Amino acid sequence: MVNVHQAKTQLSRLIDAAHAGETIVLAKAGKPWARLVPLEAPAPQRIPGRLRQLGPLSNPDALLEPLALDELAEWDSSPLLAEASQL
């Protein structure tokens, strides 16, 4: 916990500490008043063509073929589908 007056004189150091992952509580008159926390990391950027270096697919037509019945049943019973339907 850091008092506001002390935080004014050490703001640069406190910002660096927050950036490093530390949470700093700012106090006013000895009572917690605010919190200085690190920002969440930005979501990774999607980079089209990133896998192009791996070369072409060996059998691209397989992507358009229907699934076998047992594979289709596995997809239908997947817990991921249950989670997605609750959203």
PDB file of N, CA and C in Angstrom:
ATOM      1  N   MET A   1       0.855  -1.164   0.000  1.00  0.00           N
ATOM      2  CA  MET A   1       0.000   0.000   0.000  1.00  0.00           C
ATOM      3  C   MET A   1       0.907   1.236   0.000  1.00  0.00           C
ATOM      4  N   VAL A   2       0.572   2.180  -0.852  1.00  0.00           N
ATOM      5  CA  VAL A   2       1.382   3.389  -1.010  1.00  0.00           C
ATOM      6  C   VAL A   2       0.471   4.594  -0.840  1.00  0.00           C
ATOM      7  N   ASN A   3       0.892   5.546  -0.016  1.00  0.00           N
ATOM      8  CA  ASN A   3       0.126   6.763   0.179  1.00  0.00           C
ATOM      9  C   ASN A   3       0.185   7.628  -1.092  1.00  0.00           C
ATOM     10  N   VAL A   4      -0.842   8.413  -1.348  1.00  0.00           N
ATOM     11  CA  VAL A   4      -0.929   9.215  -2.564  1.00  0.00           C
ATOM     12  C   VAL A   4       0.272  10.158  -2.687  1.00  0.00           C
ATOM     13  N   HIS A   5       0.646  10.822  -1.613  1.00  0.00           N
ATOM     14  CA  HIS A   5       1.784  11.743  -1.660  1.00  0.00           C
ATOM     15  C   HIS A   5       3.054  10.999  -2.064  1.00  0.00           C
ATOM     16  N   GLN A   6       3.262   9.831  -1.484  1.00  0.00           N
ATOM     17  CA  GLN A   6       4.429   9.022  -1.804  1.00  0.00           C
ATOM     18  C   GLN A   6       4.337   8.538  -3.259  1.00  0.00           C
ATOM     19  N   ALA A   7       3.136   8.193  -3.719  1.00  0.00           N
ATOM     20  CA  ALA A   7       2.945   7.711  -5.093  1.00  0.00           C
ATOM     21  C   ALA A   7       3.279   8.802  -6.105  1.00  0.00           C
ATOM     22  N   LYS A   8       2.982  10.064  -5.777  1.00  0.00           N
ATOM     23  CA  LYS A   8       3.301  11.157  -6.694  1.00  0.00           C
ATOM     24  C   LYS A   8       4.796  11.255  -6.939  1.00  0.00           C
ATOM     25  N   THR A   9       5.576  11.043  -5.910  1.00  0.00           N
ATOM     26  CA  THR A   9       7.019  11.175  -6.055  1.00  0.00           C
ATOM     27  C   THR A   9       7.661   9.921  -6.653  1.00  0.00           C
ATOM     28  N   GLN A  10       6.955   8.791  -6.604  1.00  0.00           N
ATOM     29  CA  GLN A  10       7.515   7.531  -7.093  1.00  0.00           C
ATOM     30  C   GLN A  10       6.682   6.931  -8.229  1.00  0.00           C
ATOM     31  N   LEU A  11       5.934   7.762  -8.931  1.00  0.00           N
ATOM     32  CA  LEU A  11       5.010   7.246  -9.934  1.00  0.00           C
ATOM     33  C   LEU A  11       5.703   6.398 -10.999  1.00  0.00           C
ATOM     34  N   SER A  12       6.832   6.821 -11.483  1.00  0.00           N
ATOM     35  CA  SER A  12       7.537   6.083 -12.523  1.00  0.00           C
ATOM     36  C   SER A  12       7.902   4.677 -12.041  1.00  0.00           C
ATOM     37  N   ARG A  13       8.420   4.574 -10.825  1.00  0.00           N
ATOM     38  CA  ARG A  13       8.782   3.278 -10.261  1.00  0.00           C
ATOM     39  C   ARG A  13       7.544   2.409 -10.063  1.00  0.00           C
ATOM     40  N   LEU A  14       6.452   3.005  -9.604  1.00  0.00           N
ATOM     41  CA  LEU A  14       5.216   2.254  -9.370  1.00  0.00           C
ATOM     42  C   LEU A  14       4.624   1.738 -10.687  1.00  0.00           C
ATOM     43  N   ILE A  15       4.694   2.554 -11.742  1.00  0.00           N
ATOM     44  CA  ILE A  15       4.196   2.121 -13.046  1.00  0.00           C
ATOM     45  C   ILE A  15       5.027   0.948 -13.553  1.00  0.00           C
ATOM     46  N   ASP A  16       6.340   1.011 -13.383  1.00  0.00           N
ATOM     47  CA  ASP A  16       7.195  -0.101 -13.796  1.00  0.00           C
ATOM     48  C   ASP A  16       6.866  -1.368 -13.015  1.00  0.00           C
ATOM     49  N   ALA A  17       6.609  -1.224 -11.722  1.00  0.00           N
ATOM     50  CA  ALA A  17       6.265  -2.386 -10.895  1.00  0.00           C
ATOM     51  C   ALA A  17       4.928  -2.983 -11.343  1.00  0.00           C
ATOM     52  N   ALA A  18       3.959  -2.134 -11.665  1.00  0.00           N
ATOM     53  CA  ALA A  18       2.667  -2.626 -12.135  1.00  0.00           C
ATOM     54  C   ALA A  18       2.821  -3.323 -13.476  1.00  0.00           C
ATOM     55  N   HIS A  19       3.638  -2.752 -14.334  1.00  0.00           N
ATOM     56  CA  HIS A  19       3.871  -3.373 -15.642  1.00  0.00           C
ATOM     57  C   HIS A  19       4.514  -4.748 -15.484  1.00  0.00           C
ATOM     58  N   ALA A  20       5.319  -4.920 -14.445  1.00  0.00           N
ATOM     59  CA  ALA A  20       5.980  -6.201 -14.176  1.00  0.00           C
ATOM     60  C   ALA A  20       5.029  -7.207 -13.541  1.00  0.00           C
ATOM     61  N   GLY A  21       3.783  -6.811 -13.258  1.00  0.00           N
ATOM     62  CA  GLY A  21       2.795  -7.747 -12.734  1.00  0.00           C
ATOM     63  C   GLY A  21       2.351  -7.486 -11.313  1.00  0.00           C
ATOM     64  N   GLU A  22       2.943  -6.515 -10.660  1.00  0.00           N
ATOM     65  CA  GLU A  22       2.600  -6.220  -9.269  1.00  0.00           C
ATOM     66  C   GLU A  22       1.327  -5.370  -9.204  1.00  0.00           C
ATOM     67  N   THR A  23       0.518  -5.580  -8.177  1.00  0.00           N
ATOM     68  CA  THR A  23      -0.656  -4.745  -7.949  1.00  0.00           C
ATOM     69  C   THR A  23      -0.330  -3.790  -6.809  1.00  0.00           C
ATOM     70  N   ILE A  24      -0.491  -2.501  -7.045  1.00  0.00           N
ATOM     71  CA  ILE A  24      -0.176  -1.483  -6.047  1.00  0.00           C
ATOM     72  C   ILE A  24      -1.484  -0.856  -5.580  1.00  0.00           C
ATOM     73  N   VAL A  25      -1.686  -0.821  -4.276  1.00  0.00           N
ATOM     74  CA  VAL A  25      -2.868  -0.187  -3.695  1.00  0.00           C
ATOM     75  C   VAL A  25      -2.476   1.219  -3.266  1.00  0.00           C
ATOM     76  N   LEU A  26      -3.211   2.197  -3.790  1.00  0.00           N
ATOM     77  CA  LEU A  26      -2.974   3.594  -3.421  1.00  0.00           C
ATOM     78  C   LEU A  26      -3.894   3.947  -2.269  1.00  0.00           C
ATOM     79  N   ALA A  27      -3.334   4.603  -1.273  1.00  0.00           N
ATOM     80  CA  ALA A  27      -4.105   4.948  -0.078  1.00  0.00           C
ATOM     81  C   ALA A  27      -4.205   6.458   0.068  1.00  0.00           C
ATOM     82  N   LYS A  28      -5.337   6.887   0.595  1.00  0.00           N
ATOM     83  CA  LYS A  28      -5.555   8.300   0.894  1.00  0.00           C
ATOM     84  C   LYS A  28      -5.923   8.379   2.370  1.00  0.00           C
ATOM     85  N   ALA A  29      -5.123   9.105   3.114  1.00  0.00           N
ATOM     86  CA  ALA A  29      -5.305   9.217   4.567  1.00  0.00           C
ATOM     87  C   ALA A  29      -5.250   7.840   5.227  1.00  0.00           C
ATOM     88  N   GLY A  30      -4.393   6.953   4.692  1.00  0.00           N
ATOM     89  CA  GLY A  30      -4.216   5.638   5.294  1.00  0.00           C
ATOM     90  C   GLY A  30      -5.269   4.607   4.904  1.00  0.00           C
ATOM     91  N   LYS A  31      -6.254   4.990   4.090  1.00  0.00           N
ATOM     92  CA  LYS A  31      -7.316   4.055   3.691  1.00  0.00           C
ATOM     93  C   LYS A  31      -7.145   3.710   2.210  1.00  0.00           C
ATOM     94  N   PRO A  32      -7.318   2.438   1.860  1.00  0.00           N
ATOM     95  CA  PRO A  32      -7.211   2.060   0.448  1.00  0.00           C
ATOM     96  C   PRO A  32      -8.169   2.885  -0.401  1.00  0.00           C
ATOM     97  N   TRP A  33      -7.658   3.418  -1.510  1.00  0.00           N
ATOM     98  CA  TRP A  33      -8.450   4.352  -2.321  1.00  0.00           C
ATOM     99  C   TRP A  33      -8.541   3.922  -3.782  1.00  0.00           C
ATOM    100  N   ALA A  34      -7.437   3.390  -4.310  1.00  0.00           N
ATOM    101  CA  ALA A  34      -7.412   2.980  -5.715  1.00  0.00           C
ATOM    102  C   ALA A  34      -6.384   1.868  -5.883  1.00  0.00           C
ATOM    103  N   ARG A  35      -6.443   1.220  -7.028  1.00  0.00           N
ATOM    104  CA  ARG A  35      -5.539   0.111  -7.311  1.00  0.00           C
ATOM    105  C   ARG A  35      -4.863   0.351  -8.657  1.00  0.00           C
ATOM    106  N   LEU A  36      -3.556   0.192  -8.684  1.00  0.00           N
ATOM    107  CA  LEU A  36      -2.770   0.302  -9.910  1.00  0.00           C
ATOM    108  C   LEU A  36      -2.394  -1.124 -10.302  1.00  0.00           C
ATOM    109  N   VAL A  37      -2.934  -1.581 -11.439  1.00  0.00           N
ATOM    110  CA  VAL A  37      -2.733  -2.966 -11.864  1.00  0.00           C
ATOM    111  C   VAL A  37      -2.186  -2.998 -13.288  1.00  0.00           C
ATOM    112  N   PRO A  38      -1.527  -4.088 -13.662  1.00  0.00           N
ATOM    113  CA  PRO A  38      -1.036  -4.196 -15.041  1.00  0.00           C
ATOM    114  C   PRO A  38      -2.204  -4.400 -15.997  1.00  0.00           C
ATOM    115  N   LEU A  39      -2.040  -3.919 -17.214  1.00  0.00           N
ATOM    116  CA  LEU A  39      -3.043  -4.155 -18.248  1.00  0.00           C
ATOM    117  C   LEU A  39      -2.957  -5.599 -18.712  1.00  0.00           C
ATOM    118  N   GLU A  40      -4.092  -6.118 -19.179  1.00  0.00           N
ATOM    119  CA  GLU A  40      -4.074  -7.460 -19.752  1.00  0.00           C
ATOM    120  C   GLU A  40      -3.303  -7.416 -21.067  1.00  0.00           C
ATOM    121  N   ALA A  41      -2.637  -8.513 -21.363  1.00  0.00           N
ATOM    122  CA  ALA A  41      -1.895  -8.587 -22.621  1.00  0.00           C
ATOM    123  C   ALA A  41      -2.886  -8.534 -23.784  1.00  0.00           C
ATOM    124  N   PRO A  42      -2.558  -7.828 -24.845  1.00  0.00           N
ATOM    125  CA  PRO A  42      -3.473  -7.770 -25.978  1.00  0.00           C
ATOM    126  C   PRO A  42      -3.619  -9.143 -26.625  1.00  0.00           C
ATOM    127  N   ALA A  43      -4.790  -9.381 -27.207  1.00  0.00           N
ATOM    128  CA  ALA A  43      -5.027 -10.648 -27.892  1.00  0.00           C
ATOM    129  C   ALA A  43      -4.063 -10.778 -29.065  1.00  0.00           C
ATOM    130  N   PRO A  44      -3.585 -11.986 -29.308  1.00  0.00           N
ATOM    131  CA  PRO A  44      -2.651 -12.139 -30.429  1.00  0.00           C
ATOM    132  C   PRO A  44      -3.324 -11.794 -31.751  1.00  0.00           C
ATOM    133  N   GLN A  45      -2.568 -11.172 -32.621  1.00  0.00           N
ATOM    134  CA  GLN A  45      -3.084 -10.767 -33.927  1.00  0.00           C
ATOM    135  C   GLN A  45      -3.130 -11.977 -34.857  1.00  0.00           C
ATOM    136  N   ARG A  46      -4.192 -12.063 -35.628  1.00  0.00           N
ATOM    137  CA  ARG A  46      -4.311 -13.116 -36.628  1.00  0.00           C
ATOM    138  C   ARG A  46      -3.453 -12.711 -37.827  1.00  0.00           C
ATOM    139  N   ILE A  47      -2.629 -13.637 -38.291  1.00  0.00           N
ATOM    140  CA  ILE A  47      -1.735 -13.346 -39.406  1.00  0.00           C
ATOM    141  C   ILE A  47      -2.097 -14.277 -40.562  1.00  0.00           C
ATOM    142  N   PRO A  48      -2.858 -13.780 -41.546  1.00  0.00           N
ATOM    143  CA  PRO A  48      -3.227 -14.626 -42.675  1.00  0.00           C
ATOM    144  C   PRO A  48      -1.988 -15.119 -43.421  1.00  0.00           C
ATOM    145  N   GLY A  49      -2.027 -16.373 -43.825  1.00  0.00           N
ATOM    146  CA  GLY A  49      -0.928 -16.944 -44.583  1.00  0.00           C
ATOM    147  C   GLY A  49       0.244 -17.411 -43.747  1.00  0.00           C
ATOM    148  N   ARG A  50       0.095 -17.400 -42.437  1.00  0.00           N
ATOM    149  CA  ARG A  50       1.213 -17.753 -41.565  1.00  0.00           C
ATOM    150  C   ARG A  50       1.661 -19.207 -41.778  1.00  0.00           C
ATOM    151  N   LEU A  51       0.744 -20.104 -42.140  1.00  0.00           N
ATOM    152  CA  LEU A  51       1.094 -21.508 -42.324  1.00  0.00           C
ATOM    153  C   LEU A  51       1.483 -21.839 -43.761  1.00  0.00           C
ATOM    154  N   ARG A  52       1.504 -20.839 -44.623  1.00  0.00           N
ATOM    155  CA  ARG A  52       1.836 -21.057 -46.029  1.00  0.00           C
ATOM    156  C   ARG A  52       3.209 -21.704 -46.194  1.00  0.00           C
ATOM    157  N   GLN A  53       4.123 -21.395 -45.294  1.00  0.00           N
ATOM    158  CA  GLN A  53       5.483 -21.932 -45.397  1.00  0.00           C
ATOM    159  C   GLN A  53       5.510 -23.448 -45.236  1.00  0.00           C
ATOM    160  N   LEU A  54       4.456 -24.034 -44.674  1.00  0.00           N
ATOM    161  CA  LEU A  54       4.412 -25.483 -44.502  1.00  0.00           C
ATOM    162  C   LEU A  54       4.072 -26.201 -45.799  1.00  0.00           C
ATOM    163  N   GLY A  55       3.710 -25.440 -46.814  1.00  0.00           N
ATOM    164  CA  GLY A  55       3.419 -26.028 -48.118  1.00  0.00           C
ATOM    165  C   GLY A  55       1.944 -26.359 -48.265  1.00  0.00           C
ATOM    166  N   PRO A  56       1.553 -26.826 -49.441  1.00  0.00           N
ATOM    167  CA  PRO A  56       0.142 -27.123 -49.685  1.00  0.00           C
ATOM    168  C   PRO A  56      -0.304 -28.374 -48.929  1.00  0.00           C
ATOM    169  N   LEU A  57      -1.627 -28.498 -48.731  1.00  0.00           N
ATOM    170  CA  LEU A  57      -2.179 -29.689 -48.102  1.00  0.00           C
ATOM    171  C   LEU A  57      -1.958 -30.884 -49.012  1.00  0.00           C
ATOM    172  N   SER A  58      -1.708 -32.039 -48.409  1.00  0.00           N
ATOM    173  CA  SER A  58      -1.450 -33.226 -49.217  1.00  0.00           C
ATOM    174  C   SER A  58      -2.718 -33.693 -49.931  1.00  0.00           C
ATOM    175  N   ASN A  59      -3.891 -33.505 -49.312  1.00  0.00           N
ATOM    176  CA  ASN A  59      -5.149 -33.936 -49.921  1.00  0.00           C
ATOM    177  C   ASN A  59      -6.228 -32.895 -49.615  1.00  0.00           C
ATOM    178  N   PRO A  60      -6.245 -31.768 -50.317  1.00  0.00           N
ATOM    179  CA  PRO A  60      -7.199 -30.704 -49.991  1.00  0.00           C
ATOM    180  C   PRO A  60      -8.660 -31.105 -50.206  1.00  0.00           C
ATOM    181  N   ASP A  61      -8.920 -32.060 -51.095  1.00  0.00           N
ATOM    182  CA  ASP A  61     -10.298 -32.484 -51.330  1.00  0.00           C
ATOM    183  C   ASP A  61     -10.894 -33.195 -50.120  1.00  0.00           C
ATOM    184  N   ALA A  62     -10.058 -33.712 -49.237  1.00  0.00           N
ATOM    185  CA  ALA A  62     -10.543 -34.392 -48.036  1.00  0.00           C
ATOM    186  C   ALA A  62     -11.319 -33.434 -47.136  1.00  0.00           C
ATOM    187  N   LEU A  63     -11.051 -32.156 -47.223  1.00  0.00           N
ATOM    188  CA  LEU A  63     -11.782 -31.173 -46.411  1.00  0.00           C
ATOM    189  C   LEU A  63     -13.256 -31.101 -46.795  1.00  0.00           C
ATOM    190  N   LEU A  64     -13.577 -31.456 -48.036  1.00  0.00           N
ATOM    191  CA  LEU A  64     -14.953 -31.355 -48.519  1.00  0.00           C
ATOM    192  C   LEU A  64     -15.709 -32.673 -48.454  1.00  0.00           C
ATOM    193  N   GLU A  65     -15.024 -33.760 -48.087  1.00  0.00           N
ATOM    194  CA  GLU A  65     -15.688 -35.053 -47.999  1.00  0.00           C
ATOM    195  C   GLU A  65     -16.540 -35.115 -46.740  1.00  0.00           C
ATOM    196  N   PRO A  66     -17.705 -35.806 -46.816  1.00  0.00           N
ATOM    197  CA  PRO A  66     -18.533 -35.949 -45.610  1.00  0.00           C
ATOM    198  C   PRO A  66     -17.813 -36.801 -44.558  1.00  0.00           C
ATOM    199  N   LEU A  67     -18.132 -36.552 -43.299  1.00  0.00           N
ATOM    200  CA  LEU A  67     -17.529 -37.320 -42.213  1.00  0.00           C
ATOM    201  C   LEU A  67     -18.117 -38.724 -42.172  1.00  0.00           C
ATOM    202  N   ALA A  68     -17.307 -39.669 -41.700  1.00  0.00           N
ATOM    203  CA  ALA A  68     -17.815 -41.021 -41.451  1.00  0.00           C
ATOM    204  C   ALA A  68     -18.816 -40.932 -40.302  1.00  0.00           C
ATOM    205  N   LEU A  69     -19.749 -41.881 -40.242  1.00  0.00           N
ATOM    206  CA  LEU A  69     -20.819 -41.831 -39.232  1.00  0.00           C
ATOM    207  C   LEU A  69     -20.273 -41.827 -37.812  1.00  0.00           C
ATOM    208  N   ASP A  70     -19.218 -42.608 -37.550  1.00  0.00           N
ATOM    209  CA  ASP A  70     -18.666 -42.624 -36.189  1.00  0.00           C
ATOM    210  C   ASP A  70     -18.010 -41.285 -35.837  1.00  0.00           C
ATOM    211  N   GLU A  71     -17.349 -40.643 -36.796  1.00  0.00           N
ATOM    212  CA  GLU A  71     -16.764 -39.321 -36.549  1.00  0.00           C
ATOM    213  C   GLU A  71     -17.854 -38.274 -36.328  1.00  0.00           C
ATOM    214  N   LEU A  72     -18.922 -38.367 -37.100  1.00  0.00           N
ATOM    215  CA  LEU A  72     -20.041 -37.446 -36.950  1.00  0.00           C
ATOM    216  C   LEU A  72     -20.684 -37.600 -35.572  1.00  0.00           C
ATOM    217  N   ALA A  73     -20.810 -38.838 -35.108  1.00  0.00           N
ATOM    218  CA  ALA A  73     -21.379 -39.086 -33.773  1.00  0.00           C
ATOM    219  C   ALA A  73     -20.487 -38.479 -32.694  1.00  0.00           C
ATOM    220  N   GLU A  74     -19.167 -38.564 -32.876  1.00  0.00           N
ATOM    221  CA  GLU A  74     -18.255 -37.960 -31.900  1.00  0.00           C
ATOM    222  C   GLU A  74     -18.420 -36.447 -31.848  1.00  0.00           C
ATOM    223  N   TRP A  75     -18.586 -35.816 -33.002  1.00  0.00           N
ATOM    224  CA  TRP A  75     -18.812 -34.372 -33.034  1.00  0.00           C
ATOM    225  C   TRP A  75     -20.125 -34.014 -32.342  1.00  0.00           C
ATOM    226  N   ASP A  76     -21.176 -34.798 -32.608  1.00  0.00           N
ATOM    227  CA  ASP A  76     -22.489 -34.505 -32.019  1.00  0.00           C
ATOM    228  C   ASP A  76     -22.491 -34.677 -30.510  1.00  0.00           C
ATOM    229  N   SER A  77     -21.665 -35.568 -29.980  1.00  0.00           N
ATOM    230  CA  SER A  77     -21.633 -35.791 -28.535  1.00  0.00           C
ATOM    231  C   SER A  77     -20.531 -34.995 -27.842  1.00  0.00           C
ATOM    232  N   SER A  78     -19.870 -34.110 -28.554  1.00  0.00           N
ATOM    233  CA  SER A  78     -18.764 -33.339 -27.999  1.00  0.00           C
ATOM    234  C   SER A  78     -19.243 -32.377 -26.913  1.00  0.00           C
ATOM    235  N   PRO A  79     -18.527 -32.305 -25.793  1.00  0.00           N
ATOM    236  CA  PRO A  79     -18.898 -31.327 -24.750  1.00  0.00           C
ATOM    237  C   PRO A  79     -18.729 -29.887 -25.228  1.00  0.00           C
ATOM    238  N   LEU A  80     -17.930 -29.678 -26.262  1.00  0.00           N
ATOM    239  CA  LEU A  80     -17.749 -28.323 -26.787  1.00  0.00           C
ATOM    240  C   LEU A  80     -19.058 -27.774 -27.360  1.00  0.00           C
ATOM    241  N   LEU A  81     -19.848 -28.636 -27.976  1.00  0.00           N
ATOM    242  CA  LEU A  81     -21.123 -28.191 -28.530  1.00  0.00           C
ATOM    243  C   LEU A  81     -22.085 -27.788 -27.424  1.00  0.00           C
ATOM    244  N   ALA A  82     -22.077 -28.532 -26.308  1.00  0.00           N
ATOM    245  CA  ALA A  82     -22.941 -28.189 -25.185  1.00  0.00           C
ATOM    246  C   ALA A  82     -22.558 -26.835 -24.606  1.00  0.00           C
ATOM    247  N   GLU A  83     -21.250 -26.570 -24.486  1.00  0.00           N
ATOM    248  CA  GLU A  83     -20.788 -25.277 -23.965  1.00  0.00           C
ATOM    249  C   GLU A  83     -21.162 -24.143 -24.906  1.00  0.00           C
ATOM    250  N   ALA A  84     -21.027 -24.370 -26.206  1.00  0.00           N
ATOM    251  CA  ALA A  84     -21.324 -23.323 -27.184  1.00  0.00           C
ATOM    252  C   ALA A  84     -22.801 -22.997 -27.194  1.00  0.00           C
ATOM    253  N   SER A  85     -23.650 -23.977 -26.977  1.00  0.00           N
ATOM    254  CA  SER A  85     -25.090 -23.701 -27.014  1.00  0.00           C
ATOM    255  C   SER A  85     -25.548 -22.921 -25.780  1.00  0.00           C
ATOM    256  N   GLN A  86     -24.760 -22.957 -24.707  1.00  0.00           N
ATOM    257  CA  GLN A  86     -25.113 -22.219 -23.478  1.00  0.00           C
ATOM    258  C   GLN A  86     -24.718 -20.754 -23.567  1.00  0.00           C
ATOM    259  N   LEU A  87     -23.867 -20.409 -24.517  1.00  0.00           N
ATOM    260  CA  LEU A  87     -23.393 -19.019 -24.629  1.00  0.00           C
ATOM    261  C   LEU A  87     -24.420 -18.130 -25.207  1.00  0.00           C
TER     262      LEU A  87
END
